[in-house]
Amino acid sequence: MKMCGAHHGHVRTVVQVLWAQLLFGWVFGSELTFELPDNAKQCFYEDITIGTKCTLEFQVVTGGHYDVDCRLEDADGIVMYKEMKKQYDSFTFTAAKNGTYKFCFSNEFSTFTHKTVYFDFQVGEDPPLFPNENRVTALTQMESACVSIHEALKSVIDYQTHFRLREAQGRSRAEDLNTRVAFWSIGEAFILLVVSISQVVLLRSFFSDKKTTTTRVGS
């Protein structure tokens, strides 16, 4: 009974550790969707220590041609990444110095179209699922299963985020197309109305009685 009780206690501990990692394992990442007005620029700042691996991923969800300017600077203001009018992109780097890093999104080239931008800025790598995961001895079967589940759930989250962005972008395109079709239909109806009225007026002018005057000239 002691062995069974110890086994259940170990399983309970493993499950608790797994849920803790699932709930708090991504505290080092920043994920945000925000509105970027026309002729505007939005910057974000992150304190990063030297040797930390970081990944910046962004995508324009709605607006215009779905493009935006992106710029990333290190703690000394040196440009590490710069792209113009990109719809989406991903950039991975390792911090070479301590300090505050800045990345900006610019829509200054657009005069009347605002954008909706999504970005995910991951700082550092996920901590090990178990405190002694890097030990010399192999993981138990339960621990290996938990690690596999952990990695699978991370993949599920990434896929869900990707498909949510695709769905939002597709909905925006559909709404924009619907608006254009509606205005086109209104324009066609107006033109048809004008042409119909013009035809009626023209036909009435053909059959209307014209008053003629005659003058007799005496010889």
N, C-alpha and C. Protein backbone atom coordinates (compact mmCIF):
# COMPACT_ATOMS: atom_id res chain seq x y z
N MET A 1 0.83 -1.21 0.00
CA MET A 1 0.00 0.00 0.00
C MET A 1 0.87 1.26 0.00
N LYS A 2 2.01 1.20 0.63
CA LYS A 2 2.87 2.38 0.64
C LYS A 2 3.36 2.70 -0.76
N MET A 3 3.73 1.64 -1.48
CA MET A 3 4.21 1.87 -2.83
C MET A 3 3.10 2.44 -3.71
N CYS A 4 1.90 1.93 -3.55
CA CYS A 4 0.78 2.45 -4.32
C CYS A 4 0.49 3.89 -3.95
N GLY A 5 0.52 4.18 -2.66
CA GLY A 5 0.28 5.55 -2.22
C GLY A 5 1.37 6.49 -2.70
N ALA A 6 2.61 6.03 -2.68
CA ALA A 6 3.70 6.85 -3.17
C ALA A 6 3.58 7.10 -4.67
N HIS A 7 3.11 6.05 -5.39
CA HIS A 7 2.93 6.20 -6.84
C HIS A 7 1.85 7.24 -7.14
N HIS A 8 0.72 7.16 -6.41
CA HIS A 8 -0.35 8.14 -6.63
C HIS A 8 0.12 9.54 -6.25
N GLY A 9 0.92 9.64 -5.21
CA GLY A 9 1.44 10.94 -4.82
C GLY A 9 2.34 11.51 -5.89
N HIS A 10 3.16 10.65 -6.51
CA HIS A 10 4.05 11.09 -7.57
C HIS A 10 3.25 11.54 -8.80
N VAL A 11 2.22 10.77 -9.13
CA VAL A 11 1.37 11.13 -10.26
C VAL A 11 0.69 12.47 -10.00
N ARG A 12 0.19 12.66 -8.76
CA ARG A 12 -0.48 13.91 -8.43
C ARG A 12 0.48 15.09 -8.55
N THR A 13 1.72 14.89 -8.09
CA THR A 13 2.73 15.95 -8.19
C THR A 13 3.04 16.28 -9.64
N VAL A 14 3.17 15.25 -10.48
CA VAL A 14 3.45 15.46 -11.90
C VAL A 14 2.33 16.24 -12.56
N VAL A 15 1.08 15.88 -12.28
CA VAL A 15 -0.06 16.57 -12.86
C VAL A 15 -0.10 18.03 -12.42
N GLN A 16 0.20 18.27 -11.13
CA GLN A 16 0.21 19.63 -10.63
C GLN A 16 1.29 20.47 -11.31
N VAL A 17 2.46 19.88 -11.49
CA VAL A 17 3.54 20.59 -12.18
C VAL A 17 3.15 20.88 -13.61
N LEU A 18 2.51 19.93 -14.29
CA LEU A 18 2.10 20.12 -15.67
C LEU A 18 1.12 21.27 -15.81
N TRP A 19 0.11 21.29 -14.94
CA TRP A 19 -0.88 22.38 -15.02
C TRP A 19 -0.25 23.72 -14.68
N ALA A 20 0.67 23.74 -13.74
CA ALA A 20 1.35 24.99 -13.41
C ALA A 20 2.14 25.51 -14.60
N GLN A 21 2.81 24.60 -15.32
CA GLN A 21 3.56 25.04 -16.49
C GLN A 21 2.64 25.48 -17.61
N LEU A 22 1.52 24.82 -17.76
CA LEU A 22 0.58 25.20 -18.80
C LEU A 22 -0.01 26.58 -18.54
N LEU A 23 -0.23 26.90 -17.26
CA LEU A 23 -0.84 28.16 -16.92
C LEU A 23 0.15 29.31 -16.88
N PHE A 24 1.39 29.04 -16.48
CA PHE A 24 2.34 30.12 -16.27
C PHE A 24 3.62 29.95 -17.08
N GLY A 25 3.62 29.06 -18.05
CA GLY A 25 4.85 28.80 -18.78
C GLY A 25 5.20 29.85 -19.81
N TRP A 26 4.26 30.73 -20.17
CA TRP A 26 4.52 31.68 -21.22
C TRP A 26 4.50 33.12 -20.71
N VAL A 27 4.92 33.33 -19.43
CA VAL A 27 4.88 34.67 -18.86
C VAL A 27 5.95 35.56 -19.48
N PHE A 28 6.92 35.00 -20.21
CA PHE A 28 7.99 35.80 -20.78
C PHE A 28 7.65 36.32 -22.17
N GLY A 29 6.44 36.07 -22.64
CA GLY A 29 6.05 36.51 -23.97
C GLY A 29 5.02 37.62 -23.90
N SER A 30 5.04 38.49 -24.91
CA SER A 30 4.07 39.56 -25.04
C SER A 30 3.30 39.36 -26.33
N GLU A 31 2.00 39.27 -26.22
CA GLU A 31 1.13 39.03 -27.36
C GLU A 31 0.03 40.07 -27.35
N LEU A 32 -0.15 40.77 -28.47
CA LEU A 32 -1.09 41.89 -28.48
C LEU A 32 -1.62 42.12 -29.89
N THR A 33 -2.89 42.50 -29.96
CA THR A 33 -3.52 42.96 -31.20
C THR A 33 -3.99 44.39 -30.97
N PHE A 34 -3.58 45.33 -31.81
CA PHE A 34 -3.89 46.74 -31.57
C PHE A 34 -4.22 47.44 -32.88
N GLU A 35 -4.88 48.60 -32.75
CA GLU A 35 -5.25 49.42 -33.90
C GLU A 35 -4.12 50.42 -34.18
N LEU A 36 -3.74 50.53 -35.43
CA LEU A 36 -2.70 51.47 -35.85
C LEU A 36 -3.32 52.45 -36.84
N PRO A 37 -3.62 53.69 -36.38
CA PRO A 37 -4.28 54.66 -37.27
C PRO A 37 -3.38 55.06 -38.44
N ASP A 38 -4.00 55.72 -39.42
CA ASP A 38 -3.21 56.22 -40.56
C ASP A 38 -2.28 57.34 -40.09
N ASN A 39 -1.13 57.45 -40.74
CA ASN A 39 -0.10 58.43 -40.41
C ASN A 39 0.34 58.32 -38.95
N ALA A 40 0.33 57.10 -38.41
CA ALA A 40 0.67 56.90 -36.99
C ALA A 40 1.81 55.91 -36.85
N LYS A 41 2.44 55.94 -35.67
CA LYS A 41 3.55 55.05 -35.35
C LYS A 41 3.40 54.61 -33.90
N GLN A 42 3.54 53.32 -33.65
CA GLN A 42 3.37 52.77 -32.30
C GLN A 42 4.61 51.97 -31.94
N CYS A 43 5.19 52.28 -30.77
CA CYS A 43 6.41 51.61 -30.32
C CYS A 43 6.18 50.87 -29.01
N PHE A 44 6.92 49.80 -28.81
CA PHE A 44 6.85 48.99 -27.60
C PHE A 44 8.28 48.74 -27.09
N TYR A 45 8.40 48.56 -25.78
CA TYR A 45 9.72 48.44 -25.16
C TYR A 45 9.76 47.19 -24.29
N GLU A 46 10.93 46.56 -24.26
CA GLU A 46 11.10 45.34 -23.48
C GLU A 46 12.52 45.30 -22.92
N ASP A 47 12.63 45.06 -21.60
CA ASP A 47 13.94 44.91 -20.96
C ASP A 47 14.44 43.49 -21.16
N ILE A 48 15.62 43.36 -21.75
CA ILE A 48 16.17 42.05 -22.09
C ILE A 48 17.60 41.97 -21.57
N THR A 49 17.96 40.82 -21.01
CA THR A 49 19.32 40.59 -20.52
C THR A 49 20.16 39.95 -21.61
N ILE A 50 21.46 40.11 -21.49
CA ILE A 50 22.38 39.61 -22.50
C ILE A 50 22.29 38.09 -22.62
N GLY A 51 22.40 37.60 -23.85
CA GLY A 51 22.36 36.16 -24.10
C GLY A 51 20.97 35.57 -24.20
N THR A 52 19.92 36.40 -24.09
CA THR A 52 18.55 35.90 -24.16
C THR A 52 18.10 35.80 -25.61
N LYS A 53 17.54 34.67 -25.96
CA LYS A 53 17.02 34.45 -27.32
C LYS A 53 15.60 34.99 -27.41
N CYS A 54 15.33 35.80 -28.42
CA CYS A 54 14.02 36.44 -28.57
C CYS A 54 13.51 36.24 -29.99
N THR A 55 12.20 36.26 -30.11
CA THR A 55 11.55 36.12 -31.42
C THR A 55 10.41 37.13 -31.52
N LEU A 56 10.43 37.91 -32.59
CA LEU A 56 9.36 38.87 -32.89
C LEU A 56 8.61 38.39 -34.12
N GLU A 57 7.33 38.20 -33.97
CA GLU A 57 6.47 37.76 -35.07
C GLU A 57 5.28 38.70 -35.16
N PHE A 58 4.95 39.15 -36.37
CA PHE A 58 3.83 40.09 -36.53
C PHE A 58 3.07 39.78 -37.80
N GLN A 59 1.83 40.27 -37.83
CA GLN A 59 0.98 40.09 -39.01
C GLN A 59 -0.08 41.18 -39.01
N VAL A 60 -0.34 41.75 -40.18
CA VAL A 60 -1.40 42.74 -40.33
C VAL A 60 -2.71 42.00 -40.57
N VAL A 61 -3.67 42.23 -39.70
CA VAL A 61 -4.94 41.50 -39.75
C VAL A 61 -5.93 42.17 -40.69
N THR A 62 -6.09 43.49 -40.56
CA THR A 62 -7.05 44.21 -41.40
C THR A 62 -6.45 45.55 -41.81
N GLY A 63 -7.02 46.10 -42.89
CA GLY A 63 -6.68 47.45 -43.29
C GLY A 63 -5.85 47.55 -44.55
N GLY A 64 -6.35 48.32 -45.53
CA GLY A 64 -5.59 48.65 -46.72
C GLY A 64 -5.08 47.44 -47.47
N HIS A 65 -3.80 47.47 -47.78
CA HIS A 65 -3.14 46.35 -48.46
C HIS A 65 -2.51 45.38 -47.46
N TYR A 66 -2.91 45.46 -46.22
CA TYR A 66 -2.44 44.54 -45.18
C TYR A 66 -0.91 44.61 -45.05
N ASP A 67 -0.37 45.81 -45.01
CA ASP A 67 1.07 45.97 -44.88
C ASP A 67 1.40 47.04 -43.84
N VAL A 68 2.61 46.93 -43.28
CA VAL A 68 3.04 47.85 -42.23
C VAL A 68 4.57 47.86 -42.21
N ASP A 69 5.15 48.96 -41.73
CA ASP A 69 6.59 49.05 -41.54
C ASP A 69 6.95 48.59 -40.13
N CYS A 70 8.04 47.84 -40.01
CA CYS A 70 8.46 47.33 -38.71
C CYS A 70 9.95 47.63 -38.53
N ARG A 71 10.33 48.01 -37.30
CA ARG A 71 11.70 48.38 -37.00
C ARG A 71 12.03 47.92 -35.57
N LEU A 72 13.18 47.28 -35.41
CA LEU A 72 13.63 46.79 -34.11
C LEU A 72 15.01 47.36 -33.81
N GLU A 73 15.15 47.95 -32.61
CA GLU A 73 16.42 48.55 -32.20
C GLU A 73 16.88 47.94 -30.88
N ASP A 74 18.21 47.86 -30.71
CA ASP A 74 18.74 47.33 -29.46
C ASP A 74 18.83 48.43 -28.41
N ALA A 75 19.49 48.13 -27.29
CA ALA A 75 19.54 49.08 -26.17
C ALA A 75 20.28 50.37 -26.53
N ASP A 76 21.18 50.32 -27.52
CA ASP A 76 21.94 51.51 -27.93
C ASP A 76 21.33 52.21 -29.14
N GLY A 77 20.17 51.78 -29.57
CA GLY A 77 19.51 52.41 -30.71
C GLY A 77 19.98 51.91 -32.06
N ILE A 78 20.77 50.85 -32.07
CA ILE A 78 21.23 50.28 -33.34
C ILE A 78 20.12 49.43 -33.95
N VAL A 79 19.87 49.66 -35.24
CA VAL A 79 18.79 48.95 -35.93
C VAL A 79 19.20 47.50 -36.16
N MET A 80 18.42 46.58 -35.63
CA MET A 80 18.68 45.16 -35.81
C MET A 80 17.79 44.55 -36.90
N TYR A 81 16.65 45.16 -37.11
CA TYR A 81 15.69 44.62 -38.08
C TYR A 81 14.85 45.77 -38.60
N LYS A 82 14.68 45.82 -39.92
CA LYS A 82 13.88 46.87 -40.53
C LYS A 82 13.28 46.36 -41.82
N GLU A 83 11.96 46.42 -41.91
CA GLU A 83 11.26 45.99 -43.10
C GLU A 83 10.17 47.00 -43.43
N MET A 84 9.96 47.22 -44.72
CA MET A 84 8.98 48.20 -45.17
C MET A 84 7.81 47.48 -45.85
N LYS A 85 6.61 47.88 -45.47
CA LYS A 85 5.37 47.40 -46.08
C LYS A 85 5.31 45.87 -46.14
N LYS A 86 5.43 45.27 -44.98
CA LYS A 86 5.35 43.82 -44.87
C LYS A 86 3.99 43.42 -44.34
N GLN A 87 3.44 42.35 -44.90
CA GLN A 87 2.17 41.83 -44.40
C GLN A 87 2.37 40.99 -43.14
N TYR A 88 3.43 40.22 -43.11
CA TYR A 88 3.76 39.41 -41.94
C TYR A 88 5.23 39.03 -42.03
N ASP A 89 5.81 38.74 -40.87
CA ASP A 89 7.21 38.34 -40.86
C ASP A 89 7.56 37.85 -39.45
N SER A 90 8.73 37.23 -39.35
CA SER A 90 9.24 36.72 -38.07
C SER A 90 10.74 36.95 -38.03
N PHE A 91 11.24 37.39 -36.87
CA PHE A 91 12.66 37.69 -36.72
C PHE A 91 13.14 37.16 -35.36
N THR A 92 14.20 36.37 -35.38
CA THR A 92 14.76 35.79 -34.17
C THR A 92 16.18 36.32 -33.96
N PHE A 93 16.51 36.69 -32.73
CA PHE A 93 17.84 37.22 -32.43
C PHE A 93 18.20 36.86 -30.99
N THR A 94 19.48 37.00 -30.69
CA THR A 94 20.00 36.80 -29.34
C THR A 94 20.56 38.13 -28.85
N ALA A 95 20.09 38.58 -27.70
CA ALA A 95 20.50 39.88 -27.18
C ALA A 95 22.01 39.90 -26.91
N ALA A 96 22.69 40.90 -27.48
CA ALA A 96 24.13 41.03 -27.32
C ALA A 96 24.51 41.92 -26.14
N LYS A 97 23.52 42.58 -25.55
CA LYS A 97 23.80 43.47 -24.42
C LYS A 97 22.54 43.64 -23.58
N ASN A 98 22.72 44.05 -22.34
CA ASN A 98 21.59 44.32 -21.46
C ASN A 98 20.98 45.68 -21.79
N GLY A 99 19.69 45.80 -21.55
CA GLY A 99 19.04 47.08 -21.76
C GLY A 99 17.63 46.95 -22.27
N THR A 100 17.08 48.09 -22.67
CA THR A 100 15.71 48.17 -23.15
C THR A 100 15.71 48.16 -24.68
N TYR A 101 15.07 47.16 -25.23
CA TYR A 101 14.96 47.03 -26.68
C TYR A 101 13.63 47.63 -27.14
N LYS A 102 13.63 48.21 -28.31
CA LYS A 102 12.43 48.89 -28.83
C LYS A 102 12.08 48.34 -30.20
N PHE A 103 10.80 48.06 -30.40
CA PHE A 103 10.31 47.70 -31.73
C PHE A 103 9.06 48.52 -32.03
N CYS A 104 9.01 49.03 -33.26
CA CYS A 104 7.95 49.96 -33.65
C CYS A 104 7.26 49.47 -34.91
N PHE A 105 5.98 49.81 -34.99
CA PHE A 105 5.17 49.56 -36.19
C PHE A 105 4.69 50.91 -36.71
N SER A 106 4.88 51.13 -37.99
CA SER A 106 4.55 52.43 -38.57
C SER A 106 3.56 52.28 -39.72
N ASN A 107 2.58 53.17 -39.71
CA ASN A 107 1.60 53.26 -40.80
C ASN A 107 1.62 54.67 -41.38
N GLU A 108 2.80 55.31 -41.31
CA GLU A 108 2.92 56.69 -41.74
C GLU A 108 2.79 56.86 -43.25
N PHE A 109 3.00 55.79 -44.00
CA PHE A 109 2.88 55.88 -45.45
C PHE A 109 1.43 55.87 -45.91
N SER A 110 0.49 55.54 -45.02
CA SER A 110 -0.93 55.49 -45.37
C SER A 110 -1.60 56.80 -44.97
N THR A 111 -2.41 57.35 -45.86
CA THR A 111 -3.02 58.66 -45.62
C THR A 111 -4.43 58.58 -45.05
N PHE A 112 -5.12 57.46 -45.27
CA PHE A 112 -6.51 57.39 -44.79
C PHE A 112 -6.92 56.01 -44.31
N THR A 113 -6.04 55.02 -44.34
CA THR A 113 -6.42 53.65 -43.97
C THR A 113 -5.72 53.26 -42.67
N HIS A 114 -6.49 52.87 -41.67
CA HIS A 114 -5.89 52.38 -40.43
C HIS A 114 -5.76 50.86 -40.50
N LYS A 115 -4.88 50.32 -39.69
CA LYS A 115 -4.56 48.89 -39.72
C LYS A 115 -4.81 48.27 -38.35
N THR A 116 -5.04 46.97 -38.37
CA THR A 116 -5.08 46.17 -37.15
C THR A 116 -3.90 45.21 -37.20
N VAL A 117 -3.00 45.33 -36.22
CA VAL A 117 -1.74 44.60 -36.23
C VAL A 117 -1.68 43.66 -35.03
N TYR A 118 -1.23 42.44 -35.29
CA TYR A 118 -0.99 41.45 -34.24
C TYR A 118 0.50 41.18 -34.15
N PHE A 119 1.03 41.11 -32.93
CA PHE A 119 2.43 40.72 -32.77
C PHE A 119 2.58 39.83 -31.55
N ASP A 120 3.61 38.99 -31.62
CA ASP A 120 3.96 38.07 -30.53
C ASP A 120 5.46 38.19 -30.31
N PHE A 121 5.85 38.73 -29.15
CA PHE A 121 7.26 38.94 -28.85
C PHE A 121 7.66 38.00 -27.71
N GLN A 122 8.39 36.94 -28.05
CA GLN A 122 8.82 35.93 -27.09
C GLN A 122 10.23 36.25 -26.61
N VAL A 123 10.39 36.36 -25.30
CA VAL A 123 11.68 36.66 -24.68
C VAL A 123 12.13 35.44 -23.89
N GLY A 124 13.23 34.84 -24.31
CA GLY A 124 13.73 33.65 -23.64
C GLY A 124 13.01 32.40 -24.09
N GLU A 125 13.50 31.29 -23.63
CA GLU A 125 12.90 30.01 -23.96
C GLU A 125 12.09 29.49 -22.78
N ASP A 126 11.19 28.57 -23.06
CA ASP A 126 10.36 28.01 -22.00
C ASP A 126 11.23 27.29 -20.97
N PRO A 127 10.95 27.49 -19.69
CA PRO A 127 11.70 26.75 -18.68
C PRO A 127 11.38 25.27 -18.76
N PRO A 128 12.26 24.42 -18.24
CA PRO A 128 11.99 22.98 -18.28
C PRO A 128 10.71 22.64 -17.52
N LEU A 129 10.01 21.67 -18.02
CA LEU A 129 8.74 21.28 -17.41
C LEU A 129 8.93 20.80 -15.99
N PHE A 130 10.04 20.10 -15.73
CA PHE A 130 10.36 19.62 -14.38
C PHE A 130 11.68 20.26 -13.95
N PRO A 131 11.81 20.60 -12.68
CA PRO A 131 13.05 21.24 -12.21
C PRO A 131 14.29 20.41 -12.47
N ASN A 132 14.16 19.10 -12.44
CA ASN A 132 15.30 18.22 -12.66
C ASN A 132 15.23 17.51 -14.00
N GLU A 133 14.67 18.21 -15.01
CA GLU A 133 14.51 17.58 -16.32
C GLU A 133 15.86 17.35 -17.00
N ASN A 134 16.85 18.20 -16.66
CA ASN A 134 18.17 18.07 -17.27
C ASN A 134 19.11 17.16 -16.47
N ARG A 135 18.53 16.35 -15.64
CA ARG A 135 19.34 15.44 -14.85
C ARG A 135 19.92 14.32 -15.72
N VAL A 136 20.88 13.62 -15.14
CA VAL A 136 21.55 12.57 -15.89
C VAL A 136 20.63 11.38 -16.11
N THR A 137 19.86 11.03 -15.10
CA THR A 137 18.97 9.88 -15.22
C THR A 137 17.82 10.20 -16.16
N ALA A 138 17.27 9.16 -16.79
CA ALA A 138 16.18 9.33 -17.75
C ALA A 138 14.88 9.67 -17.04
N LEU A 139 13.98 10.31 -17.77
CA LEU A 139 12.67 10.63 -17.22
C LEU A 139 11.83 9.36 -17.11
N THR A 140 10.92 9.39 -16.17
CA THR A 140 9.99 8.28 -16.05
C THR A 140 8.98 8.32 -17.19
N GLN A 141 8.23 7.26 -17.33
CA GLN A 141 7.24 7.20 -18.40
C GLN A 141 6.18 8.29 -18.24
N MET A 142 5.77 8.53 -16.99
CA MET A 142 4.78 9.57 -16.73
C MET A 142 5.34 10.95 -17.07
N GLU A 143 6.59 11.21 -16.70
CA GLU A 143 7.20 12.51 -16.98
C GLU A 143 7.38 12.70 -18.48
N SER A 144 7.78 11.67 -19.19
CA SER A 144 7.92 11.76 -20.64
C SER A 144 6.58 12.05 -21.31
N ALA A 145 5.52 11.41 -20.81
CA ALA A 145 4.19 11.66 -21.36
C ALA A 145 3.77 13.11 -21.11
N CYS A 146 4.09 13.63 -19.93
CA CYS A 146 3.74 15.02 -19.61
C CYS A 146 4.50 15.99 -20.51
N VAL A 147 5.77 15.72 -20.76
CA VAL A 147 6.55 16.57 -21.65
C VAL A 147 5.95 16.55 -23.06
N SER A 148 5.56 15.38 -23.54
CA SER A 148 4.95 15.27 -24.87
C SER A 148 3.63 16.05 -24.94
N ILE A 149 2.82 15.93 -23.89
CA ILE A 149 1.56 16.67 -23.85
C ILE A 149 1.82 18.17 -23.83
N HIS A 150 2.82 18.57 -23.06
CA HIS A 150 3.17 19.99 -22.97
C HIS A 150 3.55 20.56 -24.34
N GLU A 151 4.39 19.84 -25.08
CA GLU A 151 4.81 20.29 -26.40
C GLU A 151 3.63 20.28 -27.38
N ALA A 152 2.77 19.27 -27.28
CA ALA A 152 1.61 19.20 -28.16
C ALA A 152 0.65 20.36 -27.91
N LEU A 153 0.45 20.72 -26.64
CA LEU A 153 -0.45 21.83 -26.31
C LEU A 153 0.12 23.15 -26.80
N LYS A 154 1.43 23.31 -26.74
CA LYS A 154 2.03 24.53 -27.28
C LYS A 154 1.79 24.63 -28.78
N SER A 155 1.90 23.50 -29.47
CA SER A 155 1.62 23.50 -30.91
C SER A 155 0.16 23.83 -31.19
N VAL A 156 -0.73 23.31 -30.35
CA VAL A 156 -2.16 23.60 -30.52
C VAL A 156 -2.42 25.09 -30.35
N ILE A 157 -1.79 25.71 -29.36
CA ILE A 157 -1.97 27.14 -29.14
C ILE A 157 -1.48 27.94 -30.34
N ASP A 158 -0.32 27.56 -30.88
CA ASP A 158 0.21 28.25 -32.05
C ASP A 158 -0.73 28.11 -33.25
N TYR A 159 -1.25 26.91 -33.47
CA TYR A 159 -2.18 26.69 -34.58
C TYR A 159 -3.48 27.49 -34.39
N GLN A 160 -3.97 27.52 -33.15
CA GLN A 160 -5.19 28.28 -32.88
C GLN A 160 -4.99 29.76 -33.16
N THR A 161 -3.85 30.30 -32.73
CA THR A 161 -3.56 31.71 -32.99
C THR A 161 -3.48 31.97 -34.49
N HIS A 162 -2.81 31.09 -35.21
CA HIS A 162 -2.67 31.24 -36.66
C HIS A 162 -4.03 31.23 -37.35
N PHE A 163 -4.88 30.29 -36.99
CA PHE A 163 -6.18 30.20 -37.65
C PHE A 163 -7.11 31.33 -37.23
N ARG A 164 -6.98 31.83 -36.00
CA ARG A 164 -7.77 32.99 -35.60
C ARG A 164 -7.39 34.21 -36.43
N LEU A 165 -6.10 34.38 -36.67
CA LEU A 165 -5.67 35.50 -37.50
C LEU A 165 -6.16 35.35 -38.94
N ARG A 166 -6.06 34.13 -39.46
CA ARG A 166 -6.54 33.89 -40.82
C ARG A 166 -8.04 34.14 -40.92
N GLU A 167 -8.79 33.71 -39.90
CA GLU A 167 -10.24 33.90 -39.90
C GLU A 167 -10.58 35.39 -39.83
N ALA A 168 -9.86 36.14 -38.99
CA ALA A 168 -10.11 37.58 -38.88
C ALA A 168 -9.77 38.29 -40.18
N GLN A 169 -8.67 37.90 -40.81
CA GLN A 169 -8.29 38.50 -42.08
C GLN A 169 -9.29 38.17 -43.17
N GLY A 170 -9.74 36.91 -43.23
CA GLY A 170 -10.74 36.53 -44.22
C GLY A 170 -12.06 37.25 -44.01
N ARG A 171 -12.47 37.41 -42.75
CA ARG A 171 -13.72 38.13 -42.47
C ARG A 171 -13.61 39.59 -42.89
N SER A 172 -12.45 40.19 -42.64
CA SER A 172 -12.25 41.58 -43.05
C SER A 172 -12.32 41.73 -44.56
N ARG A 173 -11.68 40.81 -45.28
CA ARG A 173 -11.74 40.86 -46.75
C ARG A 173 -13.17 40.66 -47.24
N ALA A 174 -13.91 39.74 -46.62
CA ALA A 174 -15.29 39.50 -47.03
C ALA A 174 -16.17 40.72 -46.78
N GLU A 175 -15.99 41.37 -45.62
CA GLU A 175 -16.78 42.56 -45.32
C GLU A 175 -16.44 43.69 -46.28
N ASP A 176 -15.17 43.83 -46.61
CA ASP A 176 -14.77 44.87 -47.56
C ASP A 176 -15.36 44.59 -48.93
N LEU A 177 -15.33 43.33 -49.36
CA LEU A 177 -15.91 42.97 -50.66
C LEU A 177 -17.42 43.19 -50.66
N ASN A 178 -18.07 42.87 -49.53
CA ASN A 178 -19.51 43.07 -49.43
C ASN A 178 -19.87 44.55 -49.53
N THR A 179 -19.05 45.41 -48.91
CA THR A 179 -19.29 46.85 -49.00
C THR A 179 -19.14 47.35 -50.43
N ARG A 180 -18.11 46.87 -51.12
CA ARG A 180 -17.90 47.29 -52.51
C ARG A 180 -19.03 46.83 -53.41
N VAL A 181 -19.49 45.59 -53.21
CA VAL A 181 -20.60 45.07 -54.02
C VAL A 181 -21.86 45.88 -53.75
N ALA A 182 -22.09 46.25 -52.49
CA ALA A 182 -23.28 47.03 -52.15
C ALA A 182 -23.25 48.39 -52.84
N PHE A 183 -22.11 49.08 -52.77
CA PHE A 183 -22.00 50.38 -53.44
C PHE A 183 -22.12 50.24 -54.97
N TRP A 184 -21.56 49.18 -55.51
CA TRP A 184 -21.67 48.94 -56.95
C TRP A 184 -23.12 48.71 -57.36
N SER A 185 -23.85 47.96 -56.55
CA SER A 185 -25.26 47.70 -56.83
C SER A 185 -26.08 48.99 -56.75
N ILE A 186 -25.79 49.82 -55.76
CA ILE A 186 -26.50 51.10 -55.66
C ILE A 186 -26.20 51.97 -56.87
N GLY A 187 -24.94 51.99 -57.30
CA GLY A 187 -24.59 52.76 -58.49
C GLY A 187 -25.29 52.26 -59.74
N GLU A 188 -25.34 50.94 -59.91
CA GLU A 188 -26.03 50.37 -61.07
C GLU A 188 -27.52 50.70 -61.04
N ALA A 189 -28.13 50.62 -59.84
CA ALA A 189 -29.56 50.93 -59.73
C ALA A 189 -29.82 52.40 -60.09
N PHE A 190 -28.94 53.29 -59.64
CA PHE A 190 -29.11 54.71 -59.94
C PHE A 190 -28.97 54.97 -61.45
N ILE A 191 -27.95 54.35 -62.05
CA ILE A 191 -27.76 54.52 -63.49
C ILE A 191 -28.95 53.97 -64.27
N LEU A 192 -29.47 52.80 -63.86
CA LEU A 192 -30.63 52.22 -64.52
C LEU A 192 -31.85 53.12 -64.40
N LEU A 193 -32.01 53.75 -63.23
CA LEU A 193 -33.13 54.66 -63.03
C LEU A 193 -33.02 55.88 -63.94
N VAL A 194 -31.82 56.43 -64.03
CA VAL A 194 -31.61 57.61 -64.89
C VAL A 194 -31.86 57.25 -66.35
N VAL A 195 -31.35 56.10 -66.80
CA VAL A 195 -31.55 55.69 -68.19
C VAL A 195 -33.03 55.46 -68.48
N SER A 196 -33.76 54.85 -67.55
CA SER A 196 -35.19 54.60 -67.75
C SER A 196 -35.96 55.89 -67.87
N ILE A 197 -35.67 56.84 -66.98
CA ILE A 197 -36.37 58.13 -67.04
C ILE A 197 -36.05 58.85 -68.35
N SER A 198 -34.78 58.77 -68.77
CA SER A 198 -34.38 59.43 -70.02
C SER A 198 -35.10 58.82 -71.21
N GLN A 199 -35.25 57.50 -71.23
CA GLN A 199 -35.95 56.84 -72.34
C GLN A 199 -37.42 57.24 -72.38
N VAL A 200 -38.05 57.33 -71.21
CA VAL A 200 -39.47 57.73 -71.16
C VAL A 200 -39.63 59.15 -71.68
N VAL A 201 -38.78 60.04 -71.25
CA VAL A 201 -38.87 61.44 -71.71
C VAL A 201 -38.63 61.52 -73.21
N LEU A 202 -37.66 60.73 -73.71
CA LEU A 202 -37.37 60.76 -75.14
C LEU A 202 -38.55 60.23 -75.96
N LEU A 203 -39.17 59.14 -75.50
CA LEU A 203 -40.31 58.59 -76.22
C LEU A 203 -41.50 59.54 -76.20
N ARG A 204 -41.72 60.19 -75.11
CA ARG A 204 -42.84 61.15 -75.04
C ARG A 204 -42.61 62.32 -75.98
N SER A 205 -41.36 62.68 -76.14
CA SER A 205 -41.09 63.80 -77.05
C SER A 205 -41.37 63.42 -78.51
N PHE A 206 -41.26 62.12 -78.84
CA PHE A 206 -41.55 61.68 -80.20
C PHE A 206 -43.04 61.73 -80.52
N PHE A 207 -43.89 61.43 -79.54
CA PHE A 207 -45.33 61.33 -79.79
C PHE A 207 -46.12 62.55 -79.31
N SER A 208 -45.45 63.53 -78.87
CA SER A 208 -46.17 64.72 -78.40
C SER A 208 -46.65 65.53 -79.61
N ASP A 209 -47.83 66.19 -79.52
CA ASP A 209 -48.38 67.01 -80.61
C ASP A 209 -47.65 68.34 -80.66
N LYS A 210 -47.16 68.64 -81.85
CA LYS A 210 -46.49 69.92 -82.01
C LYS A 210 -47.44 70.91 -82.67
N LYS A 211 -47.53 72.03 -82.09
CA LYS A 211 -48.38 73.10 -82.66
C LYS A 211 -47.69 73.75 -83.84
N THR A 212 -48.40 73.76 -84.95
CA THR A 212 -47.82 74.37 -86.14
C THR A 212 -48.65 75.59 -86.51
N THR A 213 -48.05 76.57 -87.05
CA THR A 213 -48.72 77.78 -87.46
C THR A 213 -48.60 77.90 -88.98
N THR A 214 -49.74 78.28 -89.63
CA THR A 214 -49.73 78.45 -91.10
C THR A 214 -50.04 79.92 -91.42
N THR A 215 -49.46 80.40 -92.44
CA THR A 215 -49.66 81.81 -92.89
C THR A 215 -50.04 81.80 -94.35
N ARG A 216 -51.19 82.44 -94.61
CA ARG A 216 -51.65 82.58 -96.00
C ARG A 216 -51.06 83.85 -96.63
N VAL A 217 -50.63 83.68 -97.81
CA VAL A 217 -50.05 84.81 -98.53
C VAL A 217 -50.97 85.13 -99.72
N GLY A 218 -51.56 86.25 -99.66
CA GLY A 218 -52.48 86.64 -100.75
C GLY A 218 -51.72 87.09 -101.99
N SER A 219 -52.28 86.75 -103.08
CA SER A 219 -51.66 87.15 -104.36
C SER A 219 -52.19 88.52 -104.78
